[in-house]
């Protein structure tokens, strides 16, 4: 199955200026933005984060199972996500 390449773009809230391409990956889904500016991403079933100013995302959780929906807690100390991994 071929996954479409998605692009993460940043622009001013009032749409002034030119949109800036931040990241382009196949199967990219933006799930949350932390208060410190980190992005929570799902890419082909793995969880990644993208720090402010970084050019490449960092793996947060990459397993044989599929994970998605990374969400940061308001204080940034915790995350939640969903997985299809079974067991405890």
Protein backbone atom coordinates (compact mmCIF):
# COMPACT_ATOMS: atom_id res chain seq x y z
CA UNK A 1 0.00 0.00 0.00
CA UNK A 2 1.41 3.40 -1.00
CA UNK A 3 1.13 6.17 1.57
CA UNK A 4 0.68 9.75 0.48
CA UNK A 5 3.41 12.19 1.40
CA UNK A 6 2.10 14.89 3.74
CA UNK A 7 3.73 18.24 4.45
CA UNK A 8 3.79 20.08 7.77
CA UNK A 9 3.58 23.80 7.04
CA UNK A 10 3.77 26.82 9.36
CA UNK A 11 2.18 30.20 8.66
CA UNK A 12 1.03 33.23 10.63
CA UNK A 13 -2.40 32.89 12.26
CA UNK A 14 -3.66 35.82 10.18
CA UNK A 15 -2.30 34.17 6.99
CA UNK A 16 0.11 37.04 6.36
CA UNK A 17 3.47 36.14 4.89
CA UNK A 18 4.51 33.05 3.02
CA UNK A 19 3.81 29.56 4.43
CA UNK A 20 7.00 27.78 5.49
CA UNK A 21 7.50 24.06 4.84
CA UNK A 22 8.73 22.39 8.03
CA UNK A 23 8.66 18.68 7.28
CA UNK A 24 7.58 16.33 4.52
CA UNK A 25 7.15 12.60 5.18
CA UNK A 26 4.95 9.78 3.86
CA UNK A 27 2.13 8.89 6.22
CA UNK A 28 2.64 12.03 8.38
CA UNK A 29 -0.17 12.95 10.78
CA UNK A 30 0.10 15.88 13.21
CA UNK A 31 -1.56 14.93 16.49
CA UNK A 32 -0.61 17.69 18.96
CA UNK A 33 1.57 20.70 19.70
CA UNK A 34 3.10 21.03 23.18
CA UNK A 35 3.33 24.33 25.04
CA UNK A 36 7.10 24.33 24.44
CA UNK A 37 6.50 24.19 20.67
CA UNK A 38 7.24 20.47 20.10
CA UNK A 39 5.06 18.74 17.56
CA UNK A 40 3.61 15.28 18.19
CA UNK A 41 3.58 13.27 14.98
CA UNK A 42 2.52 9.85 13.78
CA UNK A 43 4.48 8.54 10.81
CA UNK A 44 3.57 5.11 9.44
CA UNK A 45 2.48 3.78 12.85
CA UNK A 46 5.39 5.18 14.90
CA UNK A 47 5.38 8.21 17.19
CA UNK A 48 7.83 11.06 16.59
CA UNK A 49 8.41 14.51 18.02
CA UNK A 50 9.76 17.55 16.25
CA UNK A 51 11.48 20.13 18.47
CA UNK A 52 11.35 23.84 17.66
CA UNK A 53 14.04 24.68 15.13
CA UNK A 54 14.88 21.03 14.42
CA UNK A 55 15.04 19.87 10.82
CA UNK A 56 14.38 16.18 11.51
CA UNK A 57 11.90 14.54 13.89
CA UNK A 58 13.11 12.32 16.73
CA UNK A 59 11.63 8.89 17.42
CA UNK A 60 9.46 8.88 20.52
CA UNK A 61 8.11 5.34 20.27
CA UNK A 62 8.81 2.88 17.47
CA UNK A 63 7.64 -0.70 18.00
CA UNK A 64 6.27 -3.51 15.88
CA UNK A 65 2.79 -2.40 16.93
CA UNK A 66 1.05 0.64 15.47
CA UNK A 67 0.90 3.73 17.64
CA UNK A 68 -0.94 6.98 16.93
CA UNK A 69 -2.52 10.04 18.49
CA UNK A 70 0.34 11.28 20.68
CA UNK A 71 -1.00 14.03 22.98
CA UNK A 72 1.04 16.10 25.42
CA UNK A 73 -0.27 16.84 28.92
CA UNK A 74 -0.76 20.55 29.67
CA UNK A 75 2.42 20.62 31.80
CA UNK A 76 4.42 18.71 29.16
CA UNK A 77 5.48 15.97 31.61
CA UNK A 78 3.30 13.19 30.19
CA UNK A 79 1.98 11.95 26.88
CA UNK A 80 -0.90 9.70 25.91
CA UNK A 81 -1.24 7.64 22.75
CA UNK A 82 -3.15 4.68 21.36
CA UNK A 83 -1.67 1.39 20.26
CA UNK A 84 -2.85 -1.90 18.80
CA UNK A 85 -0.32 -3.82 20.93
CA UNK A 86 -1.99 -6.44 23.10
CA UNK A 87 -1.15 -7.47 26.64
CA UNK A 88 -0.42 -5.49 29.78
